[in-house]
Amino acid sequence: MKIMVAIKRVVDYAVKIRVKSDKSGVETQNVKMSMNPFCEIALEEALRIKEAGMASEVVAVTMGLKQCVDTLRTGLAMGADRGIHVETSGPLYPLSVAKLLRALVEVEKPGLLILGKQAIDDDCNQTGQMVAGLLNWPQGTFASKVVLDKEKQVVTVDREVDGGLETLCLDMPAVITTDLRLNQPRYATLPNIMKAKSKAIKKFTPEDLNVEIKSDIEEVQVTEPPKRKAGVILSSVDELIDKLKNEAHVI
C-alpha cells in the first residue's frame, strides 16, 4: 500500500509575524520558513505505518513556489521515499489544493491520504475535508490515534471532539487529518539529509493535472491584532470589584 502525505511550507512557528506595510499580507521576505507542524505529524504517522510493515511507500507532496522544494527535501530527509512538487506562482486556497490533491491521487492511487488538520498560517482546516468530498472517500479528521488492519482494508481513527474522543472505522482508501497528540515527529539526521539530496522529486504544473487555479476568495486587508493594554495592580478586593462593575461591566 502507498501513503501520500501533503506538506506545506509556512513561516516558522517561532518567528514573530510582521504584516506588510501596505496590509496586503504577511511579510515572507528574509523570514525563516519551515514545514507546517501539523504536516510534520502527518508525515511521521505515515512513516510509522510504513516501518510497521503496513505500507510499502510514502510519497510527500507539496504545492507552491520553487522554494517549496526545500520543505519537500526536509520531508525526504525525515524518511519519505520520494516527492512530488506542483509548481504554482500565485496564492493557493484550500479548494484549489484539494483539486490538485484529487488529481495526484488519481495518478498515484494511494491507499491513504494523510494531511495535517490545518496550516498555522491560514488556520483554514478545510483541505482534508474538501479532498475527501471530491474523492468521495471516508474521512477521519483530528486524528489522535490511527490503527490499520491491512487484511480487512480498514483503518480505525480516534478523533478529538469537544466531548472527548470519537472512534471511527473507515474503509480504505481514506483521508486522515492529524491532530497534535497523534505523535512526536522525528528529527532528520545528517546521513538522511544527505540521502534526501538524491531522492526523486517529480514536478507537475496545474495544467499537467488539468486543474484550473482560481479562487472566489479576495483578501481585502491583513491587520495586526490590537495591542493589549498594560495591567494594573490593585490594592484591595473592593477596588477590583469596583473596576469589574463600573469599567469592565462584567458584574
C-alpha atoms as a PDB file:
ATOM      1  CA  MET A   1       0.000   0.000   0.000  1.00  0.00           C
ATOM      2  CA  LYS A   2       1.138   3.513  -0.802  1.00  0.00           C
ATOM      3  CA  ILE A   3       0.599   6.504   1.504  1.00  0.00           C
ATOM      4  CA  MET A   4       0.503  10.062   0.190  1.00  0.00           C
ATOM      5  CA  VAL A   5       1.231  12.915   2.607  1.00  0.00           C
ATOM      6  CA  ALA A   6       0.560  16.578   1.852  1.00  0.00           C
ATOM      7  CA  ILE A   7       3.026  19.046   3.366  1.00  0.00           C
ATOM      8  CA  LYS A   8       3.036  22.847   3.340  1.00  0.00           C
ATOM      9  CA  ARG A   9       5.776  25.477   3.581  1.00  0.00           C
ATOM     10  CA  VAL A  10       4.870  28.124   6.165  1.00  0.00           C
ATOM     11  CA  VAL A  11       6.544  30.834   8.209  1.00  0.00           C
ATOM     12  CA  ASP A  12       8.350  29.083  11.065  1.00  0.00           C
ATOM     13  CA  TYR A  13       6.243  28.853  14.226  1.00  0.00           C
ATOM     14  CA  ALA A  14       8.947  30.608  16.286  1.00  0.00           C
ATOM     15  CA  VAL A  15       9.097  33.694  14.039  1.00  0.00           C
ATOM     16  CA  LYS A  16       7.270  36.863  15.074  1.00  0.00           C
ATOM     17  CA  ILE A  17       4.832  37.622  12.280  1.00  0.00           C
ATOM     18  CA  ARG A  18       5.050  41.038  10.598  1.00  0.00           C
ATOM     19  CA  VAL A  19       2.298  42.490   8.422  1.00  0.00           C
ATOM     20  CA  LYS A  20       3.371  44.197   5.192  1.00  0.00           C
ATOM     21  CA  SER A  21       3.265  47.983   5.196  1.00  0.00           C
ATOM     22  CA  ASP A  22       0.529  48.013   2.544  1.00  0.00           C
ATOM     23  CA  LYS A  23      -1.510  45.497   4.612  1.00  0.00           C
ATOM     24  CA  SER A  24      -1.733  43.132   1.663  1.00  0.00           C
ATOM     25  CA  GLY A  25      -0.457  40.150   3.632  1.00  0.00           C
ATOM     26  CA  VAL A  26       2.259  38.807   5.904  1.00  0.00           C
ATOM     27  CA  GLU A  27       5.935  39.580   5.256  1.00  0.00           C
ATOM     28  CA  THR A  28       7.774  36.482   3.991  1.00  0.00           C
ATOM     29  CA  GLN A  29      10.943  38.025   2.561  1.00  0.00           C
ATOM     30  CA  ASN A  30      14.062  37.106   4.558  1.00  0.00           C
ATOM     31  CA  VAL A  31      11.906  35.163   7.008  1.00  0.00           C
ATOM     32  CA  LYS A  32      12.668  31.619   8.162  1.00  0.00           C
ATOM     33  CA  MET A  33      10.292  29.127   6.562  1.00  0.00           C
ATOM     34  CA  SER A  34       9.687  25.544   7.622  1.00  0.00           C
ATOM     35  CA  MET A  35       7.270  22.646   7.335  1.00  0.00           C
ATOM     36  CA  ASN A  36       3.863  23.188   8.885  1.00  0.00           C
ATOM     37  CA  PRO A  37       3.935  21.418  12.306  1.00  0.00           C
ATOM     38  CA  PHE A  38       0.710  19.502  11.635  1.00  0.00           C
ATOM     39  CA  CYS A  39       2.183  18.290   8.332  1.00  0.00           C
ATOM     40  CA  GLU A  40       5.227  17.004  10.241  1.00  0.00           C
ATOM     41  CA  ILE A  41       2.861  14.963  12.406  1.00  0.00           C
ATOM     42  CA  ALA A  42       1.098  13.604   9.290  1.00  0.00           C
ATOM     43  CA  LEU A  43       4.412  12.579   7.736  1.00  0.00           C
ATOM     44  CA  GLU A  44       5.629  10.994  10.976  1.00  0.00           C
ATOM     45  CA  GLU A  45       2.474   8.875  11.181  1.00  0.00           C
ATOM     46  CA  ALA A  46       2.895   7.717   7.580  1.00  0.00           C
ATOM     47  CA  LEU A  47       6.500   6.749   8.285  1.00  0.00           C
ATOM     48  CA  ARG A  48       5.498   4.802  11.401  1.00  0.00           C
ATOM     49  CA  ILE A  49       2.867   2.917   9.427  1.00  0.00           C
ATOM     50  CA  LYS A  50       5.491   2.004   6.822  1.00  0.00           C
ATOM     51  CA  GLU A  51       8.005   0.964   9.481  1.00  0.00           C
ATOM     52  CA  ALA A  52       5.335  -1.331  10.975  1.00  0.00           C
ATOM     53  CA  GLY A  53       5.158  -3.137   7.632  1.00  0.00           C
ATOM     54  CA  MET A  54       1.696  -1.816   6.762  1.00  0.00           C
ATOM     55  CA  ALA A  55       2.776   0.302   3.777  1.00  0.00           C
ATOM     56  CA  SER A  56       5.346  -0.049   1.010  1.00  0.00           C
ATOM     57  CA  GLU A  57       5.953   3.595   0.098  1.00  0.00           C
ATOM     58  CA  VAL A  58       5.471   7.103   1.479  1.00  0.00           C
ATOM     59  CA  VAL A  59       5.119   9.913  -1.075  1.00  0.00           C
ATOM     60  CA  ALA A  60       5.379  13.522   0.114  1.00  0.00           C
ATOM     61  CA  VAL A  61       3.524  16.187  -1.878  1.00  0.00           C
ATOM     62  CA  THR A  62       3.851  19.953  -1.748  1.00  0.00           C
ATOM     63  CA  MET A  63       2.482  22.831  -3.812  1.00  0.00           C
ATOM     64  CA  GLY A  64       3.605  26.379  -4.426  1.00  0.00           C
ATOM     65  CA  LEU A  65       6.733  28.307  -5.389  1.00  0.00           C
ATOM     66  CA  LYS A  66      10.115  26.802  -6.270  1.00  0.00           C
ATOM     67  CA  GLN A  67      11.277  27.366  -2.683  1.00  0.00           C
ATOM     68  CA  CYS A  68       8.778  24.706  -1.537  1.00  0.00           C
ATOM     69  CA  VAL A  69      11.262  22.103  -2.762  1.00  0.00           C
ATOM     70  CA  ASP A  70      13.376  22.889   0.335  1.00  0.00           C
ATOM     71  CA  THR A  71      10.461  21.845   2.552  1.00  0.00           C
ATOM     72  CA  LEU A  72       9.963  18.760   0.415  1.00  0.00           C
ATOM     73  CA  ARG A  73      13.625  17.846   0.930  1.00  0.00           C
ATOM     74  CA  THR A  74      13.033  18.060   4.679  1.00  0.00           C
ATOM     75  CA  GLY A  75      10.231  15.532   4.284  1.00  0.00           C
ATOM     76  CA  LEU A  76      12.515  13.261   2.288  1.00  0.00           C
ATOM     77  CA  ALA A  77      15.187  13.591   4.976  1.00  0.00           C
ATOM     78  CA  MET A  78      12.643  12.530   7.596  1.00  0.00           C
ATOM     79  CA  GLY A  79      12.112   9.336   5.625  1.00  0.00           C
ATOM     80  CA  ALA A  80       9.674   9.832   2.727  1.00  0.00           C
ATOM     81  CA  ASP A  81      10.637   7.713  -0.288  1.00  0.00           C
ATOM     82  CA  ARG A  82      10.028  10.322  -2.973  1.00  0.00           C
ATOM     83  CA  GLY A  83       8.461  13.706  -3.501  1.00  0.00           C
ATOM     84  CA  ILE A  84       6.040  15.483  -5.799  1.00  0.00           C
ATOM     85  CA  HIS A  85       6.083  19.243  -6.325  1.00  0.00           C
ATOM     86  CA  VAL A  86       3.192  21.013  -8.034  1.00  0.00           C
ATOM     87  CA  GLU A  87       4.719  24.348  -9.006  1.00  0.00           C
ATOM     88  CA  THR A  88       2.434  27.377  -8.915  1.00  0.00           C
ATOM     89  CA  SER A  89       3.146  31.096  -8.886  1.00  0.00           C
ATOM     90  CA  GLY A  90       0.136  32.605  -7.156  1.00  0.00           C
ATOM     91  CA  PRO A  91      -1.581  32.005  -3.818  1.00  0.00           C
ATOM     92  CA  LEU A  92      -3.320  28.678  -3.255  1.00  0.00           C
ATOM     93  CA  TYR A  93      -6.563  28.342  -1.325  1.00  0.00           C
ATOM     94  CA  PRO A  94      -7.981  25.120   0.162  1.00  0.00           C
ATOM     95  CA  LEU A  95     -10.331  24.222  -2.691  1.00  0.00           C
ATOM     96  CA  SER A  96      -7.565  24.595  -5.303  1.00  0.00           C
ATOM     97  CA  VAL A  97      -5.225  22.466  -3.175  1.00  0.00           C
ATOM     98  CA  ALA A  98      -7.954  19.847  -2.770  1.00  0.00           C
ATOM     99  CA  LYS A  99      -8.479  19.692  -6.543  1.00  0.00           C
ATOM    100  CA  LEU A 100      -4.744  19.287  -7.126  1.00  0.00           C
ATOM    101  CA  LEU A 101      -4.567  16.538  -4.494  1.00  0.00           C
ATOM    102  CA  ARG A 102      -7.502  14.747  -6.101  1.00  0.00           C
ATOM    103  CA  ALA A 103      -5.688  14.816  -9.457  1.00  0.00           C
ATOM    104  CA  LEU A 104      -2.490  13.474  -7.868  1.00  0.00           C
ATOM    105  CA  VAL A 105      -4.437  10.711  -6.099  1.00  0.00           C
ATOM    106  CA  GLU A 106      -5.804   9.630  -9.461  1.00  0.00           C
ATOM    107  CA  VAL A 107      -2.219   9.413 -10.755  1.00  0.00           C
ATOM    108  CA  GLU A 108      -0.592   7.765  -7.711  1.00  0.00           C
ATOM    109  CA  LYS A 109      -3.540   5.723  -6.382  1.00  0.00           C
ATOM    110  CA  PRO A 110      -2.545   5.675  -2.679  1.00  0.00           C
ATOM    111  CA  GLY A 111      -4.380   3.666  -0.038  1.00  0.00           C
ATOM    112  CA  LEU A 112      -4.225   6.548   2.443  1.00  0.00           C
ATOM    113  CA  LEU A 113      -4.009  10.305   2.070  1.00  0.00           C
ATOM    114  CA  ILE A 114      -2.774  11.952   5.274  1.00  0.00           C
ATOM    115  CA  LEU A 115      -2.729  15.703   5.920  1.00  0.00           C
ATOM    116  CA  GLY A 116      -2.237  17.971   8.901  1.00  0.00           C
ATOM    117  CA  LYS A 117      -5.593  19.129  10.240  1.00  0.00           C
ATOM    118  CA  GLN A 118      -4.682  22.749   9.411  1.00  0.00           C
ATOM    119  CA  ALA A 119      -1.805  25.040   8.489  1.00  0.00           C
ATOM    120  CA  ILE A 120      -0.530  27.536  11.045  1.00  0.00           C
ATOM    121  CA  ASP A 121      -0.502  30.391   8.520  1.00  0.00           C
ATOM    122  CA  ASP A 122      -4.155  30.478   7.464  1.00  0.00           C
ATOM    123  CA  ASP A 123      -5.721  28.068  10.025  1.00  0.00           C
ATOM    124  CA  CYS A 124      -8.341  27.102   7.443  1.00  0.00           C
ATOM    125  CA  ASN A 125      -8.822  23.442   8.462  1.00  0.00           C
ATOM    126  CA  GLN A 126     -10.617  22.783   5.160  1.00  0.00           C
ATOM    127  CA  THR A 127      -8.373  20.957   2.689  1.00  0.00           C
ATOM    128  CA  GLY A 128      -8.683  17.440   4.131  1.00  0.00           C
ATOM    129  CA  GLN A 129     -12.458  17.609   4.254  1.00  0.00           C
ATOM    130  CA  MET A 130     -12.670  19.073   0.755  1.00  0.00           C
ATOM    131  CA  VAL A 131     -10.427  16.481  -0.881  1.00  0.00           C
ATOM    132  CA  ALA A 132     -12.340  13.678   0.852  1.00  0.00           C
ATOM    133  CA  GLY A 133     -15.544  15.107  -0.586  1.00  0.00           C
ATOM    134  CA  LEU A 134     -14.074  15.418  -4.078  1.00  0.00           C
ATOM    135  CA  LEU A 135     -12.755  11.853  -3.969  1.00  0.00           C
ATOM    136  CA  ASN A 136     -15.877  10.502  -2.234  1.00  0.00           C
ATOM    137  CA  TRP A 137     -13.563   8.830   0.304  1.00  0.00           C
ATOM    138  CA  PRO A 138     -14.310   8.322   4.001  1.00  0.00           C
ATOM    139  CA  GLN A 139     -12.501  10.756   6.281  1.00  0.00           C
ATOM    140  CA  GLY A 140     -11.177  10.774   9.822  1.00  0.00           C
ATOM    141  CA  THR A 141     -10.290  14.292  10.959  1.00  0.00           C
ATOM    142  CA  PHE A 142      -8.442  15.493  14.093  1.00  0.00           C
ATOM    143  CA  ALA A 143      -6.878  12.038  14.495  1.00  0.00           C
ATOM    144  CA  SER A 144      -5.169  11.339  17.829  1.00  0.00           C
ATOM    145  CA  LYS A 145      -4.690   7.601  17.135  1.00  0.00           C
ATOM    146  CA  VAL A 146      -4.542   5.616  13.893  1.00  0.00           C
ATOM    147  CA  VAL A 147      -4.649   1.800  13.676  1.00  0.00           C
ATOM    148  CA  LEU A 148      -4.561  -0.066  10.352  1.00  0.00           C
ATOM    149  CA  ASP A 149      -5.937  -3.523   9.610  1.00  0.00           C
ATOM    150  CA  LYS A 150      -4.277  -4.485   6.342  1.00  0.00           C
ATOM    151  CA  GLU A 151      -6.218  -7.732   5.928  1.00  0.00           C
ATOM    152  CA  LYS A 152      -9.648  -6.139   6.331  1.00  0.00           C
ATOM    153  CA  GLN A 153      -8.515  -2.973   4.500  1.00  0.00           C
ATOM    154  CA  VAL A 154      -9.879  -0.707   7.205  1.00  0.00           C
ATOM    155  CA  VAL A 155      -8.349   1.981   9.400  1.00  0.00           C
ATOM    156  CA  THR A 156      -9.570   2.851  12.894  1.00  0.00           C
ATOM    157  CA  VAL A 157      -9.219   6.501  13.872  1.00  0.00           C
ATOM    158  CA  ASP A 158      -9.649   8.031  17.319  1.00  0.00           C
ATOM    159  CA  ARG A 159     -10.538  11.661  16.763  1.00  0.00           C
ATOM    160  CA  GLU A 160     -10.644  14.503  19.259  1.00  0.00           C
ATOM    161  CA  VAL A 161     -14.017  16.189  19.584  1.00  0.00           C
ATOM    162  CA  ASP A 162     -15.433  18.679  22.082  1.00  0.00           C
ATOM    163  CA  GLY A 163     -16.959  15.951  24.215  1.00  0.00           C
ATOM    164  CA  GLY A 164     -13.875  13.702  24.328  1.00  0.00           C
ATOM    165  CA  LEU A 165     -12.857  11.016  21.818  1.00  0.00           C
ATOM    166  CA  GLU A 166     -14.822   9.592  18.900  1.00  0.00           C
ATOM    167  CA  THR A 167     -13.724   6.338  17.247  1.00  0.00           C
ATOM    168  CA  LEU A 168     -14.353   5.769  13.545  1.00  0.00           C
ATOM    169  CA  CYS A 169     -13.712   2.694  11.397  1.00  0.00           C
ATOM    170  CA  LEU A 170     -13.021   3.712   7.799  1.00  0.00           C
ATOM    171  CA  ASP A 171     -12.837   1.589   4.675  1.00  0.00           C
ATOM    172  CA  MET A 172      -9.681   2.259   2.702  1.00  0.00           C
ATOM    173  CA  PRO A 173      -8.794   4.234   0.683  1.00  0.00           C
ATOM    174  CA  ALA A 174      -9.434   7.050   3.130  1.00  0.00           C
ATOM    175  CA  VAL A 175      -8.390  10.578   4.099  1.00  0.00           C
ATOM    176  CA  ILE A 176      -6.966  11.293   7.569  1.00  0.00           C
ATOM    177  CA  THR A 177      -6.090  14.667   9.091  1.00  0.00           C
ATOM    178  CA  THR A 178      -3.785  14.685  12.103  1.00  0.00           C
ATOM    179  CA  ASP A 179      -4.065  16.428  15.457  1.00  0.00           C
ATOM    180  CA  LEU A 180      -1.279  17.486  17.834  1.00  0.00           C
ATOM    181  CA  ARG A 181      -1.403  14.495  20.176  1.00  0.00           C
ATOM    182  CA  LEU A 182      -1.064  11.821  17.477  1.00  0.00           C
ATOM    183  CA  ASN A 183       2.737  11.570  17.718  1.00  0.00           C
ATOM    184  CA  GLN A 184       6.029  13.389  18.209  1.00  0.00           C
ATOM    185  CA  PRO A 185       7.749  13.956  14.830  1.00  0.00           C
ATOM    186  CA  ARG A 186      11.326  12.789  14.436  1.00  0.00           C
ATOM    187  CA  TYR A 187      14.295  14.987  13.552  1.00  0.00           C
ATOM    188  CA  ALA A 188      16.076  14.456  10.270  1.00  0.00           C
ATOM    189  CA  THR A 189      19.554  13.044  10.873  1.00  0.00           C
ATOM    190  CA  LEU A 190      22.593  14.271   8.956  1.00  0.00           C
ATOM    191  CA  PRO A 191      23.003  10.988   6.978  1.00  0.00           C
ATOM    192  CA  ASN A 192      19.333  11.146   5.958  1.00  0.00           C
ATOM    193  CA  ILE A 193      19.672  14.802   4.987  1.00  0.00           C
ATOM    194  CA  MET A 194      22.488  13.797   2.643  1.00  0.00           C
ATOM    195  CA  LYS A 195      20.463  10.872   1.244  1.00  0.00           C
ATOM    196  CA  ALA A 196      17.488  13.163   0.619  1.00  0.00           C
ATOM    197  CA  LYS A 197      19.503  15.116  -1.950  1.00  0.00           C
ATOM    198  CA  SER A 198      19.480  12.104  -4.263  1.00  0.00           C
ATOM    199  CA  LYS A 199      15.811  11.142  -3.798  1.00  0.00           C
ATOM    200  CA  ALA A 200      13.485  11.754  -6.726  1.00  0.00           C
ATOM    201  CA  ILE A 201      11.171  14.765  -6.879  1.00  0.00           C
ATOM    202  CA  LYS A 202       8.658  14.721  -9.696  1.00  0.00           C
ATOM    203  CA  LYS A 203       7.386  18.079 -10.894  1.00  0.00           C
ATOM    204  CA  PHE A 204       3.908  18.920 -12.137  1.00  0.00           C
ATOM    205  CA  THR A 205       2.054  22.073 -13.043  1.00  0.00           C
ATOM    206  CA  PRO A 206      -1.689  22.590 -12.559  1.00  0.00           C
ATOM    207  CA  GLU A 207      -2.004  22.404 -16.347  1.00  0.00           C
ATOM    208  CA  ASP A 208      -0.378  18.950 -16.347  1.00  0.00           C
ATOM    209  CA  LEU A 209      -3.077  17.817 -13.921  1.00  0.00           C
ATOM    210  CA  ASN A 210      -5.904  19.568 -15.804  1.00  0.00           C
ATOM    211  CA  VAL A 211      -6.713  21.728 -12.785  1.00  0.00           C
ATOM    212  CA  GLU A 212      -7.640  25.376 -13.165  1.00  0.00           C
ATOM    213  CA  ILE A 213      -6.337  27.501 -10.310  1.00  0.00           C
ATOM    214  CA  LYS A 214      -8.863  30.158  -9.389  1.00  0.00           C
ATOM    215  CA  SER A 215     -10.379  31.483  -6.215  1.00  0.00           C
ATOM    216  CA  ASP A 216     -13.637  33.035  -5.151  1.00  0.00           C
ATOM    217  CA  ILE A 217     -11.846  34.477  -2.120  1.00  0.00           C
ATOM    218  CA  GLU A 218     -10.465  38.022  -2.069  1.00  0.00           C
ATOM    219  CA  GLU A 219      -8.128  39.117   0.720  1.00  0.00           C
ATOM    220  CA  VAL A 220      -9.195  42.666   1.388  1.00  0.00           C
ATOM    221  CA  GLN A 221      -6.759  43.550   4.155  1.00  0.00           C
ATOM    222  CA  VAL A 222      -4.469  41.987   6.732  1.00  0.00           C
ATOM    223  CA  THR A 223      -4.004  43.817  10.034  1.00  0.00           C
ATOM    224  CA  GLU A 224      -2.261  43.048  13.296  1.00  0.00           C
ATOM    225  CA  PRO A 225      -4.430  42.376  16.352  1.00  0.00           C
ATOM    226  CA  PRO A 226      -4.812  45.352  18.704  1.00  0.00           C
ATOM    227  CA  LYS A 227      -2.130  45.591  21.365  1.00  0.00           C
ATOM    228  CA  ARG A 228      -3.180  44.707  24.880  1.00  0.00           C
ATOM    229  CA  LYS A 229      -3.217  47.442  27.475  1.00  0.00           C
ATOM    230  CA  ALA A 230      -0.781  47.169  30.351  1.00  0.00           C
ATOM    231  CA  GLY A 231      -2.149  45.574  33.504  1.00  0.00           C
ATOM    232  CA  VAL A 232      -2.659  47.405  36.770  1.00  0.00           C
ATOM    233  CA  ILE A 233      -2.018  46.332  40.344  1.00  0.00           C
ATOM    234  CA  LEU A 234      -4.973  46.852  42.669  1.00  0.00           C
ATOM    235  CA  SER A 235      -4.681  47.472  46.384  1.00  0.00           C
ATOM    236  CA  SER A 236      -7.853  45.745  47.560  1.00  0.00           C
ATOM    237  CA  VAL A 237     -10.701  43.412  46.648  1.00  0.00           C
ATOM    238  CA  ASP A 238     -13.126  46.330  46.867  1.00  0.00           C
ATOM    239  CA  GLU A 239     -11.178  48.195  44.195  1.00  0.00           C
ATOM    240  CA  LEU A 240     -11.204  45.070  41.986  1.00  0.00           C
ATOM    241  CA  ILE A 241     -14.966  44.708  42.333  1.00  0.00           C
ATOM    242  CA  ASP A 242     -15.440  48.403  41.553  1.00  0.00           C
ATOM    243  CA  LYS A 243     -13.419  48.133  38.310  1.00  0.00           C
ATOM    244  CA  LEU A 244     -15.157  44.922  37.242  1.00  0.00           C
ATOM    245  CA  LYS A 245     -18.526  46.556  37.802  1.00  0.00           C
ATOM    246  CA  ASN A 246     -18.005  50.105  36.569  1.00  0.00           C
ATOM    247  CA  GLU A 247     -15.216  49.781  33.964  1.00  0.00           C
ATOM    248  CA  ALA A 248     -15.366  46.229  32.625  1.00  0.00           C
ATOM    249  CA  HIS A 249     -19.138  45.923  33.156  1.00  0.00           C
ATOM    250  CA  VAL A 250     -18.896  42.177  33.742  1.00  0.00           C
ATOM    251  CA  ILE A 251     -20.672  42.041  37.077  1.00  0.00           C
END
